[in-house]
Amino acid sequence: MRDNLRIRFLLAFLAVMPASLAGSQTIPDSLIIQELERAQTEPDSATEVMIDAPIDYVFTFLTTRLHDYVADATAVEFDHSGSPRSEQLGKGSIRTATMQNGELLVQRFLLMDPPREFAYHTDMQRSTLEAPLQYSVGRYRLTELNERQTRLNVAVTYRATSRLFGFIVRRAFSSALRRDFERAAGIISSAYVEENAS
């Protein structure tokens, strides 16, 4: 119990720490691509969940309905001006989630291969959400197990604003990733049943 309180305190401290100089600079595209590749081979955090819904449904839900499965997110908007497919979700599309407190979380899609895989870079320079991160890259792989079940693998790479509590941030991030996607799996499964009830 005492360890949990200590971790919470340190994470709260990290969240209000000013970003380092590196955190205020634009992240080079070459580094983002490198982190996308690393997410496939040696991610900082990873998890796997089973979702009771078809692969196409799961893919669409994860990419377009962030506000339905992320706690505290109330709305999501898209800017497809950077996508090769005009006005369609694709590589280069920007997804902006609005949180309950009005803060914004901005993500740029780096990879779009429906319904099997997608990836995005969380742009902390454009986001107003407070987090002890310089950046993160999330890579999602979906595997169809049968007509009504999908396996989701999520891998994330990131860099904290401070190395001081890097280990604690990593432990907390990994725990939250598992918990959040188990919750998301339940939400997506339930939504599929409700939307397809005869």
Protein backbone atom coordinates (compact mmCIF):
# COMPACT_ATOMS: atom_id res chain seq x y z
CA MET A 1 0.00 0.00 0.00
CA ARG A 2 2.81 2.40 0.92
CA ASP A 3 4.58 1.62 -2.40
CA ASN A 4 1.39 2.43 -4.32
CA LEU A 5 1.09 5.79 -2.54
CA ARG A 6 4.75 6.54 -3.25
CA ILE A 7 4.30 5.71 -6.96
CA ARG A 8 1.17 7.89 -7.16
CA PHE A 9 2.98 10.76 -5.52
CA LEU A 10 5.95 10.50 -7.87
CA LEU A 11 3.68 10.28 -10.92
CA ALA A 12 1.76 13.34 -9.75
CA PHE A 13 5.07 15.13 -9.29
CA LEU A 14 6.18 14.11 -12.79
CA ALA A 15 2.91 15.28 -14.31
CA VAL A 16 3.40 18.83 -13.07
CA MET A 17 7.13 19.02 -13.77
CA PRO A 18 7.99 21.35 -16.65
CA ALA A 19 9.02 19.55 -19.82
CA SER A 20 12.72 19.45 -20.54
CA LEU A 21 14.14 21.54 -23.39
CA ALA A 22 14.03 18.45 -25.58
CA GLY A 23 10.32 18.18 -24.82
CA SER A 24 9.69 21.67 -26.17
CA GLN A 25 11.39 20.98 -29.49
CA THR A 26 9.82 19.40 -32.53
CA ILE A 27 10.46 15.65 -32.70
CA PRO A 28 12.23 14.81 -36.00
CA ASP A 29 10.29 12.57 -38.41
CA SER A 30 13.32 10.26 -38.60
CA LEU A 31 13.06 9.60 -34.84
CA ILE A 32 9.32 8.98 -35.08
CA ILE A 33 9.85 6.40 -37.87
CA GLN A 34 12.62 4.79 -35.82
CA GLU A 35 10.26 4.56 -32.83
CA LEU A 36 7.54 3.07 -35.07
CA GLU A 37 9.96 0.30 -36.07
CA ARG A 38 11.06 -0.18 -32.46
CA ALA A 39 7.41 -0.62 -31.43
CA GLN A 40 7.42 -3.77 -33.55
CA THR A 41 10.70 -5.21 -32.24
CA GLU A 42 11.33 -3.89 -28.71
CA PRO A 43 8.48 -1.75 -27.35
CA ASP A 44 8.66 -0.02 -23.99
CA SER A 45 5.22 -1.43 -23.13
CA ALA A 46 2.95 -3.98 -24.80
CA THR A 47 -0.28 -5.81 -24.12
CA GLU A 48 -2.66 -8.27 -25.78
CA VAL A 49 -6.43 -8.54 -25.37
CA MET A 50 -9.23 -10.55 -26.96
CA ILE A 51 -12.29 -8.69 -28.22
CA ASP A 52 -15.61 -10.38 -28.96
CA ALA A 53 -16.33 -8.56 -32.22
CA PRO A 54 -15.32 -8.93 -35.90
CA ILE A 55 -11.98 -7.51 -36.99
CA ASP A 56 -13.48 -4.80 -39.26
CA TYR A 57 -15.72 -3.55 -36.46
CA VAL A 58 -12.83 -3.49 -33.97
CA PHE A 59 -10.53 -1.64 -36.38
CA THR A 60 -13.13 1.05 -37.11
CA PHE A 61 -14.02 1.43 -33.43
CA LEU A 62 -10.39 1.83 -32.34
CA THR A 63 -9.53 4.38 -35.02
CA THR A 64 -12.69 6.51 -35.08
CA ARG A 65 -14.38 6.18 -31.67
CA LEU A 66 -11.58 7.02 -29.25
CA HIS A 67 -13.99 9.04 -27.07
CA ASP A 68 -16.08 5.88 -26.52
CA TYR A 69 -13.29 3.85 -24.92
CA VAL A 70 -10.77 6.30 -23.46
CA ALA A 71 -11.64 7.49 -19.97
CA ASP A 72 -12.29 11.25 -19.73
CA ALA A 73 -12.39 11.75 -23.53
CA THR A 74 -15.62 13.47 -24.57
CA ALA A 75 -15.21 14.09 -28.31
CA VAL A 76 -12.93 13.33 -31.25
CA GLU A 77 -12.26 15.27 -34.45
CA PHE A 78 -10.26 14.45 -37.57
CA ASP A 79 -8.22 16.44 -40.05
CA HIS A 80 -7.60 14.37 -43.19
CA SER A 81 -5.78 17.09 -45.13
CA GLY A 82 -2.50 15.18 -44.74
CA SER A 83 -3.99 11.84 -45.81
CA PRO A 84 -3.31 10.52 -49.33
CA ARG A 85 -7.01 9.67 -49.58
CA SER A 86 -8.95 12.93 -49.66
CA GLU A 87 -11.26 13.30 -46.67
CA GLN A 88 -10.63 9.71 -45.54
CA LEU A 89 -8.78 8.33 -42.55
CA GLY A 90 -5.28 7.36 -43.63
CA LYS A 91 -1.59 7.81 -43.00
CA GLY A 92 -1.12 11.50 -42.21
CA SER A 93 -4.60 12.05 -40.75
CA ILE A 94 -4.70 13.95 -37.45
CA ARG A 95 -6.98 12.76 -34.64
CA THR A 96 -7.71 15.23 -31.84
CA ALA A 97 -9.47 14.08 -28.69
CA THR A 98 -11.04 16.60 -26.31
CA MET A 99 -10.92 15.63 -22.64
CA GLN A 100 -13.49 16.48 -19.95
CA ASN A 101 -11.31 19.30 -18.64
CA GLY A 102 -10.98 20.80 -22.14
CA GLU A 103 -7.41 19.61 -22.74
CA LEU A 104 -6.55 18.25 -26.18
CA LEU A 105 -4.70 15.07 -27.17
CA VAL A 106 -3.32 15.26 -30.73
CA GLN A 107 -2.27 12.13 -32.65
CA ARG A 108 -0.96 11.77 -36.21
CA PHE A 109 -1.45 8.44 -37.97
CA LEU A 110 1.81 6.94 -39.24
CA LEU A 111 0.47 3.67 -40.60
CA MET A 112 -2.95 2.61 -41.87
CA ASP A 113 -3.51 -0.93 -43.15
CA PRO A 114 -7.19 -1.76 -42.47
CA PRO A 115 -8.26 -3.96 -40.86
CA ARG A 116 -4.93 -5.42 -39.76
CA GLU A 117 -2.71 -2.62 -38.48
CA PHE A 118 -2.44 1.07 -37.65
CA ALA A 119 -0.05 3.29 -35.74
CA TYR A 120 0.09 6.88 -34.56
CA HIS A 121 2.42 9.41 -32.97
CA THR A 122 1.08 11.32 -29.98
CA ASP A 123 2.24 14.88 -30.59
CA MET A 124 2.90 16.34 -27.15
CA GLN A 125 3.98 19.69 -28.68
CA ARG A 126 0.48 20.19 -30.16
CA SER A 127 -1.39 18.53 -27.29
CA THR A 128 -2.42 20.53 -24.24
CA LEU A 129 -2.88 17.41 -22.10
CA GLU A 130 -0.46 17.33 -19.18
CA ALA A 131 1.71 14.20 -19.30
CA PRO A 132 5.35 13.50 -18.37
CA LEU A 133 6.19 12.48 -21.96
CA GLN A 134 8.15 14.02 -24.80
CA TYR A 135 6.35 11.74 -27.26
CA SER A 136 4.85 8.29 -27.70
CA VAL A 137 4.21 6.01 -30.66
CA GLY A 138 1.46 3.37 -30.51
CA ARG A 139 1.29 0.43 -32.92
CA TYR A 140 -1.84 -1.75 -33.10
CA ARG A 141 -2.04 -5.19 -34.76
CA LEU A 142 -5.35 -6.99 -35.17
CA THR A 143 -5.74 -10.70 -35.90
CA GLU A 144 -9.04 -12.31 -36.85
CA LEU A 145 -9.52 -15.44 -34.75
CA ASN A 146 -13.00 -16.17 -36.12
CA GLU A 147 -16.00 -14.21 -37.41
CA ARG A 148 -16.75 -12.79 -33.96
CA GLN A 149 -13.42 -12.65 -32.16
CA THR A 150 -10.35 -10.48 -32.69
CA ARG A 151 -6.97 -10.49 -30.99
CA LEU A 152 -5.51 -7.02 -30.43
CA ASN A 153 -1.81 -6.45 -29.80
CA VAL A 154 -0.80 -2.97 -28.70
CA ALA A 155 2.86 -1.91 -28.52
CA VAL A 156 4.07 1.50 -27.39
CA THR A 157 7.39 3.33 -27.41
CA TYR A 158 7.86 6.62 -25.60
CA ARG A 159 10.32 8.96 -23.96
CA ALA A 160 9.66 10.59 -20.59
CA THR A 161 10.44 14.25 -20.01
CA SER A 162 12.81 13.24 -17.20
CA ARG A 163 15.04 10.20 -16.73
CA LEU A 164 14.92 10.69 -12.97
CA PHE A 165 11.82 8.53 -12.50
CA GLY A 166 12.02 6.59 -15.79
CA PHE A 167 11.62 3.18 -14.15
CA ILE A 168 8.54 4.26 -12.20
CA VAL A 169 6.98 5.83 -15.29
CA ARG A 170 7.60 2.59 -17.22
CA ARG A 171 5.99 0.42 -14.53
CA ALA A 172 2.97 2.70 -14.25
CA PHE A 173 2.62 2.98 -18.04
CA SER A 174 2.68 -0.81 -18.52
CA SER A 175 0.11 -1.36 -15.78
CA ALA A 176 -2.18 1.35 -17.17
CA LEU A 177 -1.85 0.02 -20.74
CA ARG A 178 -3.07 -3.44 -19.73
CA ARG A 179 -5.90 -2.10 -17.58
CA ASP A 180 -7.07 0.45 -20.16
CA PHE A 181 -7.19 -2.04 -23.04
CA GLU A 182 -8.96 -4.70 -20.99
CA ARG A 183 -11.56 -2.00 -20.31
CA ALA A 184 -11.63 -1.03 -24.01
CA ALA A 185 -12.11 -4.68 -25.03
CA GLY A 186 -15.21 -4.89 -22.83
CA ILE A 187 -16.61 -1.63 -24.21
CA ILE A 188 -16.08 -2.64 -27.84
CA SER A 189 -17.54 -6.13 -27.29
CA SER A 190 -20.63 -4.69 -25.58
CA ALA A 191 -21.10 -2.03 -28.26
CA TYR A 192 -20.97 -4.67 -30.99
CA VAL A 193 -23.63 -6.80 -29.25
CA GLU A 194 -25.89 -3.76 -28.69
CA GLU A 195 -25.54 -2.45 -32.24
CA ASN A 196 -26.18 -5.87 -33.80
CA ALA A 197 -28.98 -7.08 -31.54
CA SER A 198 -31.90 -8.30 -33.65
